[in-house]
Amino acid sequence: TYPNTLKLDDNMLSGDIPQQLGQLSRIRKIYFANN
């Protein structure tokens, strides 16, 4: 409900970025680097 920042960087994540993340209405910064 309330994240302002989501950091998923520097993992081994694969696949697409879920469309549901676009529903994070309060998000201001989001990091997907190095996956």
Full PDB file with SEQRES, HELIX, SHEET, SSBOND, CRYST1, ORIGX, SCALE, CONECT and MASTER records, all heavy atoms in Angstrom:
SEQRES   1 A   35  THR TYR PRO ASN THR LEU LYS LEU ASP ASP ASN MET LEU          
SEQRES   2 A   35  SER GLY ASP ILE PRO GLN GLN LEU GLY GLN LEU SER ARG          
SEQRES   3 A   35  ILE ARG LYS ILE TYR PHE ALA ASN ASN                          
HELIX    1 AA1 GLN A   19  GLN A   23  5                                   5    
SHEET    1 AA1 2 THR A   5  LYS A   7  0                                        
SHEET    2 AA1 2 LYS A  29  TYR A  31  1                                        
CRYST1    1.000    1.000    1.000  90.00  90.00  90.00 P 1           1          
ORIGX1      1.000000  0.000000  0.000000        0.00000                         
ORIGX2      0.000000  1.000000  0.000000        0.00000                         
ORIGX3      0.000000  0.000000  1.000000        0.00000                         
SCALE1      1.000000  0.000000  0.000000        0.00000                         
SCALE2      0.000000  1.000000  0.000000        0.00000                         
SCALE3      0.000000  0.000000  1.000000        0.00000                         
ATOM      1  N   THR A   1       0.785  -1.227   0.000  1.00  0.00           N  
ATOM      2  CA  THR A   1       0.000   0.000   0.000  1.00  0.00           C  
ATOM      3  C   THR A   1       0.819   1.280   0.000  1.00  0.00           C  
ATOM      4  O   THR A   1       0.497   2.218  -0.701  1.00  0.00           O  
ATOM      5  CB  THR A   1      -0.940   0.020   1.220  1.00  0.00           C  
ATOM      6  OG1 THR A   1      -1.684  -1.198   1.225  1.00  0.00           O  
ATOM      7  CG2 THR A   1      -1.908   1.166   1.153  1.00  0.00           C  
ATOM      8  N   TYR A   2       1.883   1.344   0.806  1.00  0.00           N  
ATOM      9  CA  TYR A   2       2.528   2.632   1.044  1.00  0.00           C  
ATOM     10  C   TYR A   2       4.001   2.762   0.671  1.00  0.00           C  
ATOM     11  O   TYR A   2       4.640   3.670   1.173  1.00  0.00           O  
ATOM     12  CB  TYR A   2       2.385   3.002   2.522  1.00  0.00           C  
ATOM     13  CG  TYR A   2       0.953   3.179   2.926  1.00  0.00           C  
ATOM     14  CD1 TYR A   2       0.338   2.247   3.741  1.00  0.00           C  
ATOM     15  CD2 TYR A   2       0.230   4.272   2.486  1.00  0.00           C  
ATOM     16  CE1 TYR A   2      -0.984   2.410   4.118  1.00  0.00           C  
ATOM     17  CE2 TYR A   2      -1.090   4.443   2.862  1.00  0.00           C  
ATOM     18  CZ  TYR A   2      -1.690   3.504   3.675  1.00  0.00           C  
ATOM     19  OH  TYR A   2      -2.992   3.655   4.039  1.00  0.00           O  
ATOM     20  N   PRO A   3       4.584   1.931  -0.163  1.00  0.00           N  
ATOM     21  CA  PRO A   3       6.016   2.133  -0.416  1.00  0.00           C  
ATOM     22  C   PRO A   3       6.271   3.386  -1.263  1.00  0.00           C  
ATOM     23  O   PRO A   3       5.567   3.643  -2.228  1.00  0.00           O  
ATOM     24  CB  PRO A   3       6.442   0.878  -1.162  1.00  0.00           C  
ATOM     25  CG  PRO A   3       5.207   0.410  -1.836  1.00  0.00           C  
ATOM     26  CD  PRO A   3       4.077   0.777  -0.907  1.00  0.00           C  
ATOM     27  N   ASN A   4       7.270   4.144  -0.849  1.00  0.00           N  
ATOM     28  CA  ASN A   4       7.737   5.282  -1.641  1.00  0.00           C  
ATOM     29  C   ASN A   4       8.922   4.878  -2.506  1.00  0.00           C  
ATOM     30  O   ASN A   4       9.159   5.469  -3.541  1.00  0.00           O  
ATOM     31  CB  ASN A   4       8.149   6.440  -0.727  1.00  0.00           C  
ATOM     32  CG  ASN A   4       6.967   7.037  -0.015  1.00  0.00           C  
ATOM     33  OD1 ASN A   4       5.992   7.399  -0.651  1.00  0.00           O  
ATOM     34  ND2 ASN A   4       7.047   7.120   1.288  1.00  0.00           N  
ATOM     35  N   THR A   5       9.679   3.882  -2.031  1.00  0.00           N  
ATOM     36  CA  THR A   5      10.854   3.391  -2.744  1.00  0.00           C  
ATOM     37  C   THR A   5      10.826   1.880  -2.752  1.00  0.00           C  
ATOM     38  O   THR A   5      10.543   1.252  -1.733  1.00  0.00           O  
ATOM     39  CB  THR A   5      12.145   3.875  -2.052  1.00  0.00           C  
ATOM     40  OG1 THR A   5      12.139   5.303  -1.985  1.00  0.00           O  
ATOM     41  CG2 THR A   5      13.380   3.407  -2.792  1.00  0.00           C  
ATOM     42  N   LEU A   6      11.109   1.287  -3.920  1.00  0.00           N  
ATOM     43  CA  LEU A   6      11.229  -0.163  -4.053  1.00  0.00           C  
ATOM     44  C   LEU A   6      12.576  -0.458  -4.685  1.00  0.00           C  
ATOM     45  O   LEU A   6      12.869  -0.018  -5.791  1.00  0.00           O  
ATOM     46  CB  LEU A   6      10.102  -0.727  -4.917  1.00  0.00           C  
ATOM     47  CG  LEU A   6      10.154  -2.220  -5.217  1.00  0.00           C  
ATOM     48  CD1 LEU A   6      10.102  -3.051  -3.925  1.00  0.00           C  
ATOM     49  CD2 LEU A   6       9.018  -2.616  -6.145  1.00  0.00           C  
ATOM     50  N   LYS A   7      13.424  -1.183  -3.947  1.00  0.00           N  
ATOM     51  CA  LYS A   7      14.767  -1.513  -4.427  1.00  0.00           C  
ATOM     52  C   LYS A   7      14.865  -3.020  -4.642  1.00  0.00           C  
ATOM     53  O   LYS A   7      14.833  -3.790  -3.692  1.00  0.00           O  
ATOM     54  CB  LYS A   7      15.803  -1.037  -3.413  1.00  0.00           C  
ATOM     55  CG  LYS A   7      15.793   0.481  -3.217  1.00  0.00           C  
ATOM     56  CD  LYS A   7      16.806   0.918  -2.206  1.00  0.00           C  
ATOM     57  CE  LYS A   7      18.137   0.993  -2.904  1.00  0.00           C  
ATOM     58  NZ  LYS A   7      19.190   1.553  -2.050  1.00  0.00           N  
ATOM     59  N   LEU A   8      14.971  -3.418  -5.911  1.00  0.00           N  
ATOM     60  CA  LEU A   8      15.133  -4.817  -6.289  1.00  0.00           C  
ATOM     61  C   LEU A   8      16.455  -5.025  -7.025  1.00  0.00           C  
ATOM     62  O   LEU A   8      16.663  -6.051  -7.658  1.00  0.00           O  
ATOM     63  CB  LEU A   8      13.969  -5.256  -7.190  1.00  0.00           C  
ATOM     64  CG  LEU A   8      12.576  -5.149  -6.566  1.00  0.00           C  
ATOM     65  CD1 LEU A   8      11.512  -5.424  -7.612  1.00  0.00           C  
ATOM     66  CD2 LEU A   8      12.452  -6.102  -5.397  1.00  0.00           C  
ATOM     67  N   ASP A   9      17.337  -4.063  -6.940  1.00  0.00           N  
ATOM     68  CA  ASP A   9      18.581  -4.094  -7.698  1.00  0.00           C  
ATOM     69  C   ASP A   9      19.581  -5.107  -7.134  1.00  0.00           C  
ATOM     70  O   ASP A   9      19.486  -5.523  -5.988  1.00  0.00           O  
ATOM     71  CB  ASP A   9      19.212  -2.695  -7.759  1.00  0.00           C  
ATOM     72  CG  ASP A   9      19.330  -2.011  -6.423  1.00  0.00           C  
ATOM     73  OD1 ASP A   9      18.366  -2.050  -5.642  1.00  0.00           O  
ATOM     74  OD2 ASP A   9      20.395  -1.421  -6.157  1.00  0.00           O  
ATOM     75  N   ASP A  10      20.483  -5.504  -7.995  1.00  0.00           N  
ATOM     76  CA  ASP A  10      21.591  -6.394  -7.651  1.00  0.00           C  
ATOM     77  C   ASP A  10      21.135  -7.735  -7.082  1.00  0.00           C  
ATOM     78  O   ASP A  10      21.563  -8.164  -6.008  1.00  0.00           O  
ATOM     79  CB  ASP A  10      22.568  -5.691  -6.693  1.00  0.00           C  
ATOM     80  CG  ASP A  10      23.240  -4.518  -7.374  1.00  0.00           C  
ATOM     81  OD1 ASP A  10      24.096  -4.764  -8.242  1.00  0.00           O  
ATOM     82  OD2 ASP A  10      22.882  -3.365  -7.067  1.00  0.00           O  
ATOM     83  N   ASN A  11      20.251  -8.383  -7.816  1.00  0.00           N  
ATOM     84  CA  ASN A  11      19.823  -9.748  -7.542  1.00  0.00           C  
ATOM     85  C   ASN A  11      20.030 -10.549  -8.820  1.00  0.00           C  
ATOM     86  O   ASN A  11      20.820 -10.155  -9.671  1.00  0.00           O  
ATOM     87  CB  ASN A  11      18.353  -9.762  -7.094  1.00  0.00           C  
ATOM     88  CG  ASN A  11      18.179  -9.300  -5.669  1.00  0.00           C  
ATOM     89  OD1 ASN A  11      18.625  -9.943  -4.744  1.00  0.00           O  
ATOM     90  ND2 ASN A  11      17.527  -8.148  -5.487  1.00  0.00           N  
ATOM     91  N   MET A  12      19.332 -11.645  -8.976  1.00  0.00           N  
ATOM     92  CA  MET A  12      19.373 -12.445 -10.195  1.00  0.00           C  
ATOM     93  C   MET A  12      17.952 -12.661 -10.699  1.00  0.00           C  
ATOM     94  O   MET A  12      17.592 -13.737 -11.151  1.00  0.00           O  
ATOM     95  CB  MET A  12      20.074 -13.779  -9.913  1.00  0.00           C  
ATOM     96  CG  MET A  12      21.536 -13.611  -9.556  1.00  0.00           C  
ATOM     97  SD  MET A  12      22.365 -15.160  -9.158  1.00  0.00           S  
ATOM     98  CE  MET A  12      21.850 -15.398  -7.467  1.00  0.00           C  
ATOM     99  N   LEU A  13      17.124 -11.616 -10.602  1.00  0.00           N  
ATOM    100  CA  LEU A  13      15.730 -11.699 -11.010  1.00  0.00           C  
ATOM    101  C   LEU A  13      15.631 -11.778 -12.522  1.00  0.00           C  
ATOM    102  O   LEU A  13      16.435 -11.187 -13.243  1.00  0.00           O  
ATOM    103  CB  LEU A  13      14.970 -10.486 -10.472  1.00  0.00           C  
ATOM    104  CG  LEU A  13      14.927 -10.378  -8.948  1.00  0.00           C  
ATOM    105  CD1 LEU A  13      14.406  -9.012  -8.524  1.00  0.00           C  
ATOM    106  CD2 LEU A  13      14.090 -11.500  -8.359  1.00  0.00           C  
ATOM    107  N   SER A  14      14.631 -12.505 -13.017  1.00  0.00           N  
ATOM    108  CA  SER A  14      14.452 -12.682 -14.455  1.00  0.00           C  
ATOM    109  C   SER A  14      12.975 -12.532 -14.807  1.00  0.00           C  
ATOM    110  O   SER A  14      12.121 -12.414 -13.946  1.00  0.00           O  
ATOM    111  CB  SER A  14      14.980 -14.048 -14.887  1.00  0.00           C  
ATOM    112  OG  SER A  14      14.280 -15.069 -14.201  1.00  0.00           O  
ATOM    113  N   GLY A  15      12.699 -12.560 -16.106  1.00  0.00           N  
ATOM    114  CA  GLY A  15      11.328 -12.405 -16.573  1.00  0.00           C  
ATOM    115  C   GLY A  15      10.961 -10.946 -16.706  1.00  0.00           C  
ATOM    116  O   GLY A  15      11.807 -10.058 -16.638  1.00  0.00           O  
ATOM    117  N   ASP A  16       9.665 -10.704 -16.900  1.00  0.00           N  
ATOM    118  CA  ASP A  16       9.226  -9.325 -17.063  1.00  0.00           C  
ATOM    119  C   ASP A  16       8.910  -8.695 -15.709  1.00  0.00           C  
ATOM    120  O   ASP A  16       8.846  -9.365 -14.691  1.00  0.00           O  
ATOM    121  CB  ASP A  16       8.028  -9.231 -18.008  1.00  0.00           C  
ATOM    122  CG  ASP A  16       6.817 -10.006 -17.504  1.00  0.00           C  
ATOM    123  OD1 ASP A  16       6.962 -10.874 -16.626  1.00  0.00           O  
ATOM    124  OD2 ASP A  16       5.714  -9.729 -17.993  1.00  0.00           O  
ATOM    125  N   ILE A  17       8.738  -7.394 -15.733  1.00  0.00           N  
ATOM    126  CA  ILE A  17       8.370  -6.650 -14.529  1.00  0.00           C  
ATOM    127  C   ILE A  17       6.852  -6.686 -14.449  1.00  0.00           C  
ATOM    128  O   ILE A  17       6.178  -6.249 -15.382  1.00  0.00           O  
ATOM    129  CB  ILE A  17       8.896  -5.207 -14.602  1.00  0.00           C  
ATOM    130  CG1 ILE A  17      10.429  -5.218 -14.699  1.00  0.00           C  
ATOM    131  CG2 ILE A  17       8.426  -4.403 -13.403  1.00  0.00           C  
ATOM    132  CD1 ILE A  17      11.038  -3.884 -15.052  1.00  0.00           C  
ATOM    133  N   PRO A  18       6.286  -7.214 -13.378  1.00  0.00           N  
ATOM    134  CA  PRO A  18       4.824  -7.373 -13.307  1.00  0.00           C  
ATOM    135  C   PRO A  18       4.078  -6.049 -13.482  1.00  0.00           C  
ATOM    136  O   PRO A  18       4.461  -5.027 -12.915  1.00  0.00           O  
ATOM    137  CB  PRO A  18       4.589  -7.932 -11.904  1.00  0.00           C  
ATOM    138  CG  PRO A  18       5.888  -8.504 -11.477  1.00  0.00           C  
ATOM    139  CD  PRO A  18       6.944  -7.697 -12.174  1.00  0.00           C  
ATOM    140  N   GLN A  19       3.016  -6.099 -14.262  1.00  0.00           N  
ATOM    141  CA  GLN A  19       2.190  -4.918 -14.487  1.00  0.00           C  
ATOM    142  C   GLN A  19       1.603  -4.385 -13.185  1.00  0.00           C  
ATOM    143  O   GLN A  19       1.344  -3.198 -13.048  1.00  0.00           O  
ATOM    144  CB  GLN A  19       1.070  -5.239 -15.486  1.00  0.00           C  
ATOM    145  CG  GLN A  19       1.570  -5.587 -16.881  1.00  0.00           C  
ATOM    146  CD  GLN A  19       2.337  -4.440 -17.503  1.00  0.00           C  
ATOM    147  OE1 GLN A  19       1.882  -3.305 -17.525  1.00  0.00           O  
ATOM    148  NE2 GLN A  19       3.537  -4.729 -18.014  1.00  0.00           N  
ATOM    149  N   GLN A  20       1.429  -5.237 -12.193  1.00  0.00           N  
ATOM    150  CA  GLN A  20       0.867  -4.837 -10.905  1.00  0.00           C  
ATOM    151  C   GLN A  20       1.733  -3.787 -10.199  1.00  0.00           C  
ATOM    152  O   GLN A  20       1.228  -3.014  -9.398  1.00  0.00           O  
ATOM    153  CB  GLN A  20       0.685  -6.053  -9.987  1.00  0.00           C  
ATOM    154  CG  GLN A  20      -0.396  -6.997 -10.436  1.00  0.00           C  
ATOM    155  CD  GLN A  20       0.076  -8.015 -11.471  1.00  0.00           C  
ATOM    156  OE1 GLN A  20       1.114  -7.858 -12.113  1.00  0.00           O  
ATOM    157  NE2 GLN A  20      -0.695  -9.071 -11.645  1.00  0.00           N  
ATOM    158  N   LEU A  21       3.039  -3.750 -10.492  1.00  0.00           N  
ATOM    159  CA  LEU A  21       3.901  -2.749  -9.873  1.00  0.00           C  
ATOM    160  C   LEU A  21       3.536  -1.339 -10.337  1.00  0.00           C  
ATOM    161  O   LEU A  21       3.818  -0.366  -9.658  1.00  0.00           O  
ATOM    162  CB  LEU A  21       5.371  -3.040 -10.139  1.00  0.00           C  
ATOM    163  CG  LEU A  21       5.925  -4.312  -9.511  1.00  0.00           C  
ATOM    164  CD1 LEU A  21       7.430  -4.398  -9.728  1.00  0.00           C  
ATOM    165  CD2 LEU A  21       5.604  -4.415  -8.036  1.00  0.00           C  
ATOM    166  N   GLY A  22       2.893  -1.238 -11.476  1.00  0.00           N  
ATOM    167  CA  GLY A  22       2.412   0.050 -11.959  1.00  0.00           C  
ATOM    168  C   GLY A  22       1.267   0.595 -11.124  1.00  0.00           C  
ATOM    169  O   GLY A  22       0.880   1.756 -11.262  1.00  0.00           O  
ATOM    170  N   GLN A  23       0.710  -0.219 -10.246  1.00  0.00           N  
ATOM    171  CA  GLN A  23      -0.393   0.200  -9.375  1.00  0.00           C  
ATOM    172  C   GLN A  23       0.094   0.761  -8.043  1.00  0.00           C  
ATOM    173  O   GLN A  23      -0.716   1.117  -7.181  1.00  0.00           O  
ATOM    174  CB  GLN A  23      -1.329  -0.977  -9.125  1.00  0.00           C  
ATOM    175  CG  GLN A  23      -1.965  -1.502 -10.382  1.00  0.00           C  
ATOM    176  CD  GLN A  23      -2.704  -2.803 -10.151  1.00  0.00           C  
ATOM    177  OE1 GLN A  23      -2.925  -3.223  -9.025  1.00  0.00           O  
ATOM    178  NE2 GLN A  23      -3.083  -3.445 -11.238  1.00  0.00           N  
ATOM    179  N   LEU A  24       1.386   0.840  -7.847  1.00  0.00           N  
ATOM    180  CA  LEU A  24       1.940   1.400  -6.613  1.00  0.00           C  
ATOM    181  C   LEU A  24       1.796   2.918  -6.677  1.00  0.00           C  
ATOM    182  O   LEU A  24       2.678   3.620  -7.163  1.00  0.00           O  
ATOM    183  CB  LEU A  24       3.400   0.979  -6.440  1.00  0.00           C  
ATOM    184  CG  LEU A  24       3.651  -0.512  -6.280  1.00  0.00           C  
ATOM    185  CD1 LEU A  24       5.147  -0.817  -6.333  1.00  0.00           C  
ATOM    186  CD2 LEU A  24       3.054  -1.014  -4.969  1.00  0.00           C  
ATOM    187  N   SER A  25       0.691   3.419  -6.185  1.00  0.00           N  
ATOM    188  CA  SER A  25       0.342   4.825  -6.385  1.00  0.00           C  
ATOM    189  C   SER A  25       1.251   5.807  -5.658  1.00  0.00           C  
ATOM    190  O   SER A  25       1.360   6.958  -6.059  1.00  0.00           O  
ATOM    191  CB  SER A  25      -1.104   5.061  -5.964  1.00  0.00           C  
ATOM    192  OG  SER A  25      -1.271   4.769  -4.591  1.00  0.00           O  
ATOM    193  N   ARG A  26       1.923   5.391  -4.596  1.00  0.00           N  
ATOM    194  CA  ARG A  26       2.789   6.301  -3.841  1.00  0.00           C  
ATOM    195  C   ARG A  26       4.265   6.166  -4.202  1.00  0.00           C  
ATOM    196  O   ARG A  26       5.098   6.886  -3.668  1.00  0.00           O  
ATOM    197  CB  ARG A  26       2.629   6.047  -2.344  1.00  0.00           C  
ATOM    198  CG  ARG A  26       1.251   6.384  -1.860  1.00  0.00           C  
ATOM    199  CD  ARG A  26       1.125   6.044  -0.393  1.00  0.00           C  
ATOM    200  NE  ARG A  26      -0.200   6.336   0.077  1.00  0.00           N  
ATOM    201  CZ  ARG A  26      -0.470   7.202   1.027  1.00  0.00           C  
ATOM    202  NH1 ARG A  26       0.494   7.859   1.616  1.00  0.00           N  
ATOM    203  NH2 ARG A  26      -1.711   7.406   1.405  1.00  0.00           N  
ATOM    204  N   ILE A  27       4.594   5.262  -5.111  1.00  0.00           N  
ATOM    205  CA  ILE A  27       5.996   4.991  -5.435  1.00  0.00           C  
ATOM    206  C   ILE A  27       6.630   6.223  -6.092  1.00  0.00           C  
ATOM    207  O   ILE A  27       6.010   6.881  -6.919  1.00  0.00           O  
ATOM    208  CB  ILE A  27       6.135   3.737  -6.324  1.00  0.00           C  
ATOM    209  CG1 ILE A  27       7.536   3.165  -6.262  1.00  0.00           C  
ATOM    210  CG2 ILE A  27       5.718   3.989  -7.761  1.00  0.00           C  
ATOM    211  CD1 ILE A  27       7.808   2.378  -5.045  1.00  0.00           C  
ATOM    212  N   ARG A  28       7.850   6.553  -5.668  1.00  0.00           N  
ATOM    213  CA  ARG A  28       8.585   7.685  -6.239  1.00  0.00           C  
ATOM    214  C   ARG A  28       9.916   7.251  -6.830  1.00  0.00           C  
ATOM    215  O   ARG A  28      10.420   7.890  -7.742  1.00  0.00           O  
ATOM    216  CB  ARG A  28       8.832   8.762  -5.170  1.00  0.00           C  
ATOM    217  CG  ARG A  28       7.559   9.380  -4.636  1.00  0.00           C  
ATOM    218  CD  ARG A  28       6.795  10.131  -5.735  1.00  0.00           C  
ATOM    219  NE  ARG A  28       5.491  10.558  -5.281  1.00  0.00           N  
ATOM    220  CZ  ARG A  28       4.342   9.959  -5.601  1.00  0.00           C  
ATOM    221  NH1 ARG A  28       4.320   8.913  -6.391  1.00  0.00           N  
ATOM    222  NH2 ARG A  28       3.192  10.415  -5.150  1.00  0.00           N  
ATOM    223  N   LYS A  29      10.493   6.173  -6.300  1.00  0.00           N  
ATOM    224  CA  LYS A  29      11.766   5.658  -6.816  1.00  0.00           C  
ATOM    225  C   LYS A  29      11.669   4.148  -6.856  1.00  0.00           C  
ATOM    226  O   LYS A  29      11.194   3.512  -5.921  1.00  0.00           O  
ATOM    227  CB  LYS A  29      12.928   6.060  -5.905  1.00  0.00           C  
ATOM    228  CG  LYS A  29      13.146   7.547  -5.808  1.00  0.00           C  
ATOM    229  CD  LYS A  29      14.271   7.872  -4.859  1.00  0.00           C  
ATOM    230  CE  LYS A  29      14.424   9.376  -4.719  1.00  0.00           C  
ATOM    231  NZ  LYS A  29      15.460   9.714  -3.735  1.00  0.00           N  
ATOM    232  N   ILE A  30      12.164   3.570  -7.972  1.00  0.00           N  
ATOM    233  CA  ILE A  30      12.133   2.121  -8.124  1.00  0.00           C  
ATOM    234  C   ILE A  30      13.398   1.690  -8.865  1.00  0.00           C  
ATOM    235  O   ILE A  30      13.788   2.301  -9.857  1.00  0.00           O  
ATOM    236  CB  ILE A  30      10.831   1.670  -8.820  1.00  0.00           C  
ATOM    237  CG1 ILE A  30      10.634   0.178  -8.729  1.00  0.00           C  
ATOM    238  CG2 ILE A  30      10.728   2.184 -10.218  1.00  0.00           C  
ATOM    239  CD1 ILE A  30       9.215  -0.270  -9.011  1.00  0.00           C  
ATOM    240  N   TYR A  31      14.062   0.687  -8.331  1.00  0.00           N  
ATOM    241  CA  TYR A  31      15.372   0.266  -8.835  1.00  0.00           C  
ATOM    242  C   TYR A  31      15.322  -1.197  -9.264  1.00  0.00           C  
ATOM    243  O   TYR A  31      15.022  -2.078  -8.460  1.00  0.00           O  
ATOM    244  CB  TYR A  31      16.435   0.440  -7.741  1.00  0.00           C  
ATOM    245  CG  TYR A  31      16.553   1.859  -7.253  1.00  0.00           C  
ATOM    246  CD1 TYR A  31      15.802   2.315  -6.184  1.00  0.00           C  
ATOM    247  CD2 TYR A  31      17.418   2.743  -7.892  1.00  0.00           C  
ATOM    248  CE1 TYR A  31      15.909   3.626  -5.747  1.00  0.00           C  
ATOM    249  CE2 TYR A  31      17.526   4.057  -7.464  1.00  0.00           C  
ATOM    250  CZ  TYR A  31      16.762   4.490  -6.384  1.00  0.00           C  
ATOM    251  OH  TYR A  31      16.864   5.794  -5.955  1.00  0.00           O  
ATOM    252  N   PHE A  32      15.646  -1.454 -10.541  1.00  0.00           N  
ATOM    253  CA  PHE A  32      15.702  -2.798 -11.102  1.00  0.00           C  
ATOM    254  C   PHE A  32      17.098  -3.159 -11.588  1.00  0.00           C  
ATOM    255  O   PHE A  32      17.291  -4.201 -12.200  1.00  0.00           O  
ATOM    256  CB  PHE A  32      14.755  -2.910 -12.304  1.00  0.00           C  
ATOM    257  CG  PHE A  32      13.311  -2.649 -11.994  1.00  0.00           C  
ATOM    258  CD1 PHE A  32      12.688  -1.511 -12.456  1.00  0.00           C  
ATOM    259  CD2 PHE A  32      12.575  -3.565 -11.263  1.00  0.00           C  
ATOM    260  CE1 PHE A  32      11.354  -1.271 -12.189  1.00  0.00           C  
ATOM    261  CE2 PHE A  32      11.244  -3.333 -10.991  1.00  0.00           C  
ATOM    262  CZ  PHE A  32      10.627  -2.187 -11.453  1.00  0.00           C  
ATOM    263  N   ALA A  33      18.084  -2.341 -11.344  1.00  0.00           N  
ATOM    264  CA  ALA A  33      19.426  -2.496 -11.923  1.00  0.00           C  
ATOM    265  C   ALA A  33      20.062  -3.836 -11.572  1.00  0.00           C  
ATOM    266  O   ALA A  33      19.814  -4.413 -10.519  1.00  0.00           O  
ATOM    267  CB  ALA A  33      20.334  -1.369 -11.445  1.00  0.00           C  
ATOM    268  N   ASN A  34      20.891  -4.304 -12.496  1.00  0.00           N  
ATOM    269  CA  ASN A  34      21.737  -5.483 -12.291  1.00  0.00           C  
ATOM    270  C   ASN A  34      20.947  -6.751 -11.992  1.00  0.00           C  
ATOM    271  O   ASN A  34      21.169  -7.437 -10.998  1.00  0.00           O  
ATOM    272  CB  ASN A  34      22.777  -5.206 -11.188  1.00  0.00           C  
ATOM    273  CG  ASN A  34      23.616  -4.001 -11.503  1.00  0.00           C  
ATOM    274  OD1 ASN A  34      24.115  -3.855 -12.610  1.00  0.00           O  
ATOM    275  ND2 ASN A  34      23.743  -3.102 -10.556  1.00  0.00           N  
ATOM    276  N   ASN A  35      20.009  -7.047 -12.879  1.00  0.00           N  
ATOM    277  CA  ASN A  35      19.241  -8.286 -12.862  1.00  0.00           C  
ATOM    278  C   ASN A  35      19.221  -8.841 -14.275  1.00  0.00           C  
ATOM    279  O   ASN A  35      20.050  -8.461 -15.103  1.00  0.00           O  
ATOM    280  CB  ASN A  35      17.815  -8.005 -12.355  1.00  0.00           C  
ATOM    281  CG  ASN A  35      17.757  -7.817 -10.854  1.00  0.00           C  
ATOM    282  OD1 ASN A  35      17.947  -8.762 -10.100  1.00  0.00           O  
ATOM    283  ND2 ASN A  35      17.499  -6.590 -10.414  1.00  0.00           N  
TER     284      ASN A  35                                                      
MASTER        0    0    0    1    2    0    0    6  283    1    0    3          
END                                                                             
